[in-house]
C-alpha atoms as a PDB file:
ATOM      1  CA  LEU A   1     110.615  51.857 125.177  1.00  0.00           C
ATOM      2  CA  LEU A   2     109.341  53.496 128.360  1.00  0.00           C
ATOM      3  CA  TYR A   3     107.530  56.128 126.293  1.00  0.00           C
ATOM      4  CA  TYR A   4     106.048  53.423 124.043  1.00  0.00           C
ATOM      5  CA  ASN A   5     104.831  51.486 127.080  1.00  0.00           C
ATOM      6  CA  TYR A   6     103.265  54.659 128.473  1.00  0.00           C
ATOM      7  CA  VAL A   7     101.474  55.537 125.217  1.00  0.00           C
ATOM      8  CA  VAL A   8     100.303  52.038 124.288  1.00  0.00           C
ATOM      9  CA  LEU A   9      99.812  50.342 127.661  1.00  0.00           C
ATOM     10  CA  GLY A  10      99.120  53.310 129.925  1.00  0.00           C
ATOM     11  CA  HIS A  11     102.124  52.973 132.239  1.00  0.00           C
ATOM     12  CA  MET A  12     105.879  53.272 131.701  1.00  0.00           C
ATOM     13  CA  PHE A  13     106.685  49.994 133.427  1.00  0.00           C
ATOM     14  CA  SER A  14     103.861  47.927 131.963  1.00  0.00           C
ATOM     15  CA  THR A  15     104.650  45.265 129.410  1.00  0.00           C
ATOM     16  CA  ALA A  16     102.369  43.394 127.057  1.00  0.00           C
ATOM     17  CA  GLN A  17     103.087  40.219 129.057  1.00  0.00           C
ATOM     18  CA  THR A  18     101.859  41.722 132.328  1.00  0.00           C
ATOM     19  CA  VAL A  19      98.793  43.294 130.735  1.00  0.00           C
ATOM     20  CA  LYS A  20      97.779  40.021 129.054  1.00  0.00           C
ATOM     21  CA  SER A  21      98.548  38.064 132.221  1.00  0.00           C
ATOM     22  CA  VAL A  22      96.117  40.184 134.210  1.00  0.00           C
ATOM     23  CA  GLU A  23      93.455  39.610 131.534  1.00  0.00           C
ATOM     24  CA  PHE A  24      94.060  35.834 131.695  1.00  0.00           C
ATOM     25  CA  LEU A  25      93.750  35.914 135.481  1.00  0.00           C
ATOM     26  CA  ASP A  26      90.139  36.970 135.104  1.00  0.00           C
ATOM     27  CA  LEU A  27      89.462  34.257 132.514  1.00  0.00           C
ATOM     28  CA  LYS A  28      91.007  31.556 134.709  1.00  0.00           C
ATOM     29  CA  GLY A  29      89.507  32.818 137.944  1.00  0.00           C
ATOM     30  CA  ARG A  30      92.864  33.249 139.678  1.00  0.00           C
ATOM     31  CA  SER A  31      93.447  35.877 142.345  1.00  0.00           C
ATOM     32  CA  SER A  32      97.055  36.841 141.587  1.00  0.00           C
ATOM     33  CA  LEU A  33      99.902  36.145 139.181  1.00  0.00           C
ATOM     34  CA  PHE A  34     101.601  33.882 141.738  1.00  0.00           C
ATOM     35  CA  SER A  35      98.577  31.906 142.922  1.00  0.00           C
ATOM     36  CA  THR A  36      99.472  28.306 142.034  1.00  0.00           C
ATOM     37  CA  PRO A  37     100.070  26.071 145.080  1.00  0.00           C
ATOM     38  CA  ILE A  38     103.819  25.422 145.270  1.00  0.00           C
ATOM     39  CA  LEU A  39     103.582  21.614 145.209  1.00  0.00           C
ATOM     40  CA  GLU A  40     101.216  21.643 142.244  1.00  0.00           C
ATOM     41  CA  GLY A  41     103.436  23.942 140.202  1.00  0.00           C
ATOM     42  CA  LEU A  42     106.679  22.243 141.233  1.00  0.00           C
ATOM     43  CA  SER A  43     105.413  18.743 140.494  1.00  0.00           C
ATOM     44  CA  GLY A  44     104.071  19.953 137.149  1.00  0.00           C
ATOM     45  CA  LEU A  45     107.324  21.670 136.183  1.00  0.00           C
ATOM     46  CA  LEU A  46     109.444  18.664 137.128  1.00  0.00           C
ATOM     47  CA  PHE A  47     107.290  15.575 136.490  1.00  0.00           C
ATOM     48  CA  SER A  48     104.388  16.479 134.187  1.00  0.00           C
ATOM     49  CA  PRO A  49     104.295  14.192 131.116  1.00  0.00           C
ATOM     50  CA  SER A  50     103.947  17.126 128.711  1.00  0.00           C
ATOM     51  CA  ARG A  51     105.991  19.779 130.544  1.00  0.00           C
ATOM     52  CA  GLY A  52     108.194  18.111 133.168  1.00  0.00           C
ATOM     53  CA  LEU A  53     111.934  18.781 133.132  1.00  0.00           C
ATOM     54  CA  PHE A  54     112.721  15.277 134.370  1.00  0.00           C
ATOM     55  CA  VAL A  55     110.534  13.719 131.653  1.00  0.00           C
ATOM     56  CA  PHE A  56     112.281  15.664 128.886  1.00  0.00           C
ATOM     57  CA  SER A  57     115.767  15.514 130.439  1.00  0.00           C
ATOM     58  CA  PRO A  58     115.955  12.662 132.969  1.00  0.00           C
ATOM     59  CA  MET A  59     119.728  13.092 133.042  1.00  0.00           C
ATOM     60  CA  PHE A  60     119.209  16.104 135.317  1.00  0.00           C
ATOM     61  CA  MET A  61     117.263  14.045 137.857  1.00  0.00           C
ATOM     62  CA  PHE A  62     119.861  11.277 137.788  1.00  0.00           C
ATOM     63  CA  LEU A  63     122.744  13.714 138.276  1.00  0.00           C
ATOM     64  CA  ILE A  64     120.952  15.480 141.137  1.00  0.00           C
ATOM     65  CA  LEU A  65     120.515  12.095 142.825  1.00  0.00           C
ATOM     66  CA  VAL A  66     124.205  11.283 142.230  1.00  0.00           C
ATOM     67  CA  TRP A  67     125.175  14.665 143.655  1.00  0.00           C
ATOM     68  CA  LEU A  68     123.073  14.052 146.784  1.00  0.00           C
ATOM     69  CA  PHE A  69     124.515  10.540 147.091  1.00  0.00           C
ATOM     70  CA  ILE A  70     128.070  11.918 146.963  1.00  0.00           C
ATOM     71  CA  ILE A  71     127.267  14.582 149.551  1.00  0.00           C
ATOM     72  CA  ILE A  72     125.660  12.081 151.934  1.00  0.00           C
ATOM     73  CA  ARG A  73     128.320   9.439 151.418  1.00  0.00           C
ATOM     74  CA  ARG A  74     131.187  11.801 152.072  1.00  0.00           C
ATOM     75  CA  ARG A  75     129.239  13.773 154.684  1.00  0.00           C
ATOM     76  CA  ARG A  76     130.175  16.982 152.939  1.00  0.00           C
ATOM     77  CA  ARG A  77     128.395  20.251 153.385  1.00  0.00           C
ATOM     78  CA  PHE A  78     125.959  21.220 150.649  1.00  0.00           C
ATOM     79  CA  PHE A  79     128.023  24.116 149.281  1.00  0.00           C
ATOM     80  CA  GLU A  80     131.463  22.593 149.735  1.00  0.00           C
ATOM     81  CA  GLY A  81     131.870  22.579 145.968  1.00  0.00           C
ATOM     82  CA  CYS A  82     132.494  26.317 146.144  1.00  0.00           C
ATOM     83  CA  THR A  83     136.196  26.992 145.688  1.00  0.00           C
ATOM     84  CA  SER A  84     138.186  29.836 144.233  1.00  0.00           C
ATOM     85  CA  LYS A  85     137.895  28.124 140.835  1.00  0.00           C
ATOM     86  CA  ASN A  86     134.127  28.083 140.807  1.00  0.00           C
ATOM     87  CA  VAL A  87     133.009  31.109 142.813  1.00  0.00           C
ATOM     88  CA  LEU A  88     129.676  31.135 140.999  1.00  0.00           C
ATOM     89  CA  PHE A  89     128.594  27.805 142.487  1.00  0.00           C
ATOM     90  CA  ARG A  90     126.564  29.226 145.384  1.00  0.00           C
ATOM     91  CA  PRO A  91     124.872  31.990 143.382  1.00  0.00           C
ATOM     92  CA  ALA A  92     124.029  29.476 140.650  1.00  0.00           C
ATOM     93  CA  CYS A  93     122.400  27.121 143.177  1.00  0.00           C
ATOM     94  CA  VAL A  94     120.423  29.953 144.753  1.00  0.00           C
ATOM     95  CA  SER A  95     119.404  31.310 141.330  1.00  0.00           C
ATOM     96  CA  CYS A  96     118.125  27.903 140.237  1.00  0.00           C
ATOM     97  CA  LEU A  97     116.120  27.495 143.404  1.00  0.00           C
ATOM     98  CA  VAL A  98     114.608  31.002 143.289  1.00  0.00           C
ATOM     99  CA  LEU A  99     113.719  30.839 139.576  1.00  0.00           C
ATOM    100  CA  THR A 100     112.171  27.389 139.993  1.00  0.00           C
ATOM    101  CA  ILE A 101     110.052  28.556 142.938  1.00  0.00           C
ATOM    102  CA  PHE A 102     108.863  31.620 141.002  1.00  0.00           C
ATOM    103  CA  ALA A 103     108.025  29.492 137.958  1.00  0.00           C
ATOM    104  CA  SER A 104     106.096  27.007 140.125  1.00  0.00           C
ATOM    105  CA  LYS A 105     104.046  29.727 141.796  1.00  0.00           C
ATOM    106  CA  TRP A 106     103.205  31.460 138.469  1.00  0.00           C
ATOM    107  CA  TYR A 107      99.488  31.121 137.704  1.00  0.00           C
ATOM    108  CA  ASP A 108     100.287  29.706 134.263  1.00  0.00           C
ATOM    109  CA  TRP A 109     103.167  27.430 135.337  1.00  0.00           C
ATOM    110  CA  TRP A 110     102.787  25.153 132.317  1.00  0.00           C
ATOM    111  CA  GLY A 111     104.088  27.873 129.980  1.00  0.00           C
ATOM    112  CA  GLY A 112     101.369  28.101 127.348  1.00  0.00           C
ATOM    113  CA  TYR A 113     101.733  26.664 123.871  1.00  0.00           C
ATOM    114  CA  CYS A 114     105.123  24.998 123.923  1.00  0.00           C
ATOM    115  CA  TYR A 115     106.957  21.695 123.865  1.00  0.00           C
ATOM    116  CA  GLY A 116     108.723  20.843 127.082  1.00  0.00           C
ATOM    117  CA  CYS A 117     109.613  22.806 130.174  1.00  0.00           C
ATOM    118  CA  ARG A 118     109.591  26.325 128.778  1.00  0.00           C
ATOM    119  CA  PRO A 119     109.348  28.127 132.167  1.00  0.00           C
ATOM    120  CA  LEU A 120     112.599  26.495 133.321  1.00  0.00           C
ATOM    121  CA  LEU A 121     114.694  27.336 130.252  1.00  0.00           C
ATOM    122  CA  ASP A 122     116.368  30.196 132.127  1.00  0.00           C
ATOM    123  CA  VAL A 123     117.519  27.756 134.812  1.00  0.00           C
ATOM    124  CA  LEU A 124     118.972  25.052 132.554  1.00  0.00           C
ATOM    125  CA  PRO A 125     122.385  26.659 131.846  1.00  0.00           C
ATOM    126  CA  PHE A 126     122.984  27.017 135.583  1.00  0.00           C
ATOM    127  CA  VAL A 127     121.780  23.479 136.286  1.00  0.00           C
ATOM    128  CA  THR A 128     124.105  22.169 133.593  1.00  0.00           C
ATOM    129  CA  LEU A 129     127.100  23.943 135.127  1.00  0.00           C
ATOM    130  CA  ILE A 130     126.191  22.817 138.644  1.00  0.00           C
ATOM    131  CA  LEU A 131     125.806  19.185 137.577  1.00  0.00           C
ATOM    132  CA  GLU A 132     129.074  19.037 135.644  1.00  0.00           C
ATOM    133  CA  SER A 133     130.900  17.658 138.689  1.00  0.00           C
ATOM    134  CA  PRO A 134     128.514  14.727 139.293  1.00  0.00           C
ATOM    135  CA  ALA A 135     128.583  13.914 135.565  1.00  0.00           C
ATOM    136  CA  ARG A 136     132.384  13.892 135.586  1.00  0.00           C
ATOM    137  CA  HIS A 137     132.305  11.693 138.692  1.00  0.00           C
ATOM    138  CA  VAL A 138     129.997   9.147 137.057  1.00  0.00           C
ATOM    139  CA  LEU A 139     131.912   9.051 133.779  1.00  0.00           C
ATOM    140  CA  SER A 140     135.476   8.990 135.078  1.00  0.00           C
ATOM    141  CA  LYS A 141     135.689   8.219 138.782  1.00  0.00           C
ATOM    142  CA  SER A 142     132.791   5.852 139.315  1.00  0.00           C
ATOM    143  CA  LYS A 143     133.640   2.179 139.066  1.00  0.00           C
ATOM    144  CA  SER A 144     129.997   1.284 138.636  1.00  0.00           C
ATOM    145  CA  ARG A 145     129.069   0.459 135.068  1.00  0.00           C
ATOM    146  CA  ILE A 146     125.425   0.675 136.079  1.00  0.00           C
ATOM    147  CA  PHE A 147     125.789   4.397 136.868  1.00  0.00           C
ATOM    148  CA  ARG A 148     127.421   5.002 133.486  1.00  0.00           C
ATOM    149  CA  PHE A 149     124.744   2.988 131.721  1.00  0.00           C
ATOM    150  CA  VAL A 150     121.950   4.901 133.467  1.00  0.00           C
ATOM    151  CA  LEU A 151     123.578   8.281 132.722  1.00  0.00           C
ATOM    152  CA  ILE A 152     124.089   7.447 129.044  1.00  0.00           C
ATOM    153  CA  SER A 153     120.552   6.009 128.793  1.00  0.00           C
ATOM    154  CA  CYS A 154     119.079   9.167 130.344  1.00  0.00           C
ATOM    155  CA  PHE A 155     121.127  11.314 127.959  1.00  0.00           C
ATOM    156  CA  LEU A 156     119.962   9.299 124.936  1.00  0.00           C
ATOM    157  CA  TRP A 157     116.345   9.456 126.125  1.00  0.00           C
ATOM    158  CA  GLY A 158     116.644  13.262 126.360  1.00  0.00           C
ATOM    159  CA  LEU A 159     118.077  13.415 122.833  1.00  0.00           C
ATOM    160  CA  PHE A 160     115.264  11.210 121.530  1.00  0.00           C
ATOM    161  CA  VAL A 161     112.542  13.286 123.182  1.00  0.00           C
ATOM    162  CA  GLN A 162     114.036  16.553 121.925  1.00  0.00           C
ATOM    163  CA  ALA A 163     114.419  15.146 118.404  1.00  0.00           C
ATOM    164  CA  LEU A 164     110.797  14.033 118.586  1.00  0.00           C
ATOM    165  CA  GLY A 165     109.826  17.592 119.473  1.00  0.00           C
ATOM    166  CA  VAL A 166     111.823  19.008 116.576  1.00  0.00           C
ATOM    167  CA  GLY A 167     110.405  16.557 114.054  1.00  0.00           C
ATOM    168  CA  ALA A 168     106.887  15.817 115.225  1.00  0.00           C
ATOM    169  CA  TYR A 169     105.720  18.688 117.447  1.00  0.00           C
ATOM    170  CA  ASN A 170     102.366  20.073 116.410  1.00  0.00           C
ATOM    171  CA  ALA A 171     100.956  22.799 118.652  1.00  0.00           C
ATOM    172  CA  SER A 172      97.357  21.999 117.756  1.00  0.00           C
ATOM    173  CA  THR A 173      97.588  18.383 118.936  1.00  0.00           C
ATOM    174  CA  TRP A 174     100.256  18.623 121.661  1.00  0.00           C
ATOM    175  CA  ASN A 175      98.387  21.390 123.463  1.00  0.00           C
ATOM    176  CA  HIS A 176      94.920  20.145 122.572  1.00  0.00           C
ATOM    177  CA  TYR A 177      93.639  19.868 126.138  1.00  0.00           C
ATOM    178  CA  ALA A 178      94.154  22.128 129.106  1.00  0.00           C
ATOM    179  CA  TYR A 179      93.084  21.283 132.611  1.00  0.00           C
ATOM    180  CA  ASP A 180      91.280  23.675 134.851  1.00  0.00           C
ATOM    181  CA  ASP A 181      91.686  23.861 138.625  1.00  0.00           C
ATOM    182  CA  ARG A 182      89.278  20.945 139.119  1.00  0.00           C
ATOM    183  CA  GLY A 183      91.302  18.673 136.826  1.00  0.00           C
ATOM    184  CA  GLU A 184      88.651  18.640 134.100  1.00  0.00           C
ATOM    185  CA  GLY A 185      89.942  18.700 130.529  1.00  0.00           C
ATOM    186  CA  MET A 186      88.739  21.245 128.026  1.00  0.00           C
ATOM    187  CA  PRO A 187      89.697  21.824 124.389  1.00  0.00           C
ATOM    188  CA  LEU A 188      92.125  24.659 123.860  1.00  0.00           C
ATOM    189  CA  SER A 189      91.835  27.364 121.284  1.00  0.00           C
ATOM    190  CA  ILE A 190      93.653  30.625 120.853  1.00  0.00           C
ATOM    191  CA  ASP A 191      90.517  32.475 121.982  1.00  0.00           C
ATOM    192  CA  SER A 192      89.990  30.440 125.162  1.00  0.00           C
ATOM    193  CA  VAL A 193      93.485  30.853 126.596  1.00  0.00           C
END
């Protein structure tokens, strides 16, 4: 693979992704691969109607809020969930945070032609494991039926949205418009991206 990269791309450690990314930087007028303002990228990754994690899986947002509520209510330290049984808790939290920050700073944070929050797919298994405890708390220990109702509603919404993507996703209409740095829409084509 290193030899192939050297022959085809001119450097052993180059990949097609990095070469194309540098070409797209020129087209988009960006200065570096990690040039998106952090709040812009983070809000887009989490709340964007066509890419936001919390739009496609609101259960994650609800469980994060429950987790914070439990921590504040019990005045527990943030990483107190780390015991000998779950020694990967801290590294999972740090990994999620670091990967999310990198994805939000990436010049093309929205992930190209896709349905949903493609740049955060690497984080989702860790987030799921981290949020298992708040989910268990809501479903078994919480006496509030409202919390259970909200959790189940968020879960069903996520299922509906994902089923919609499986059955009705069409790349030519879903990704029809891209927005430049000034917020002006422009039609997308394979040649323009």
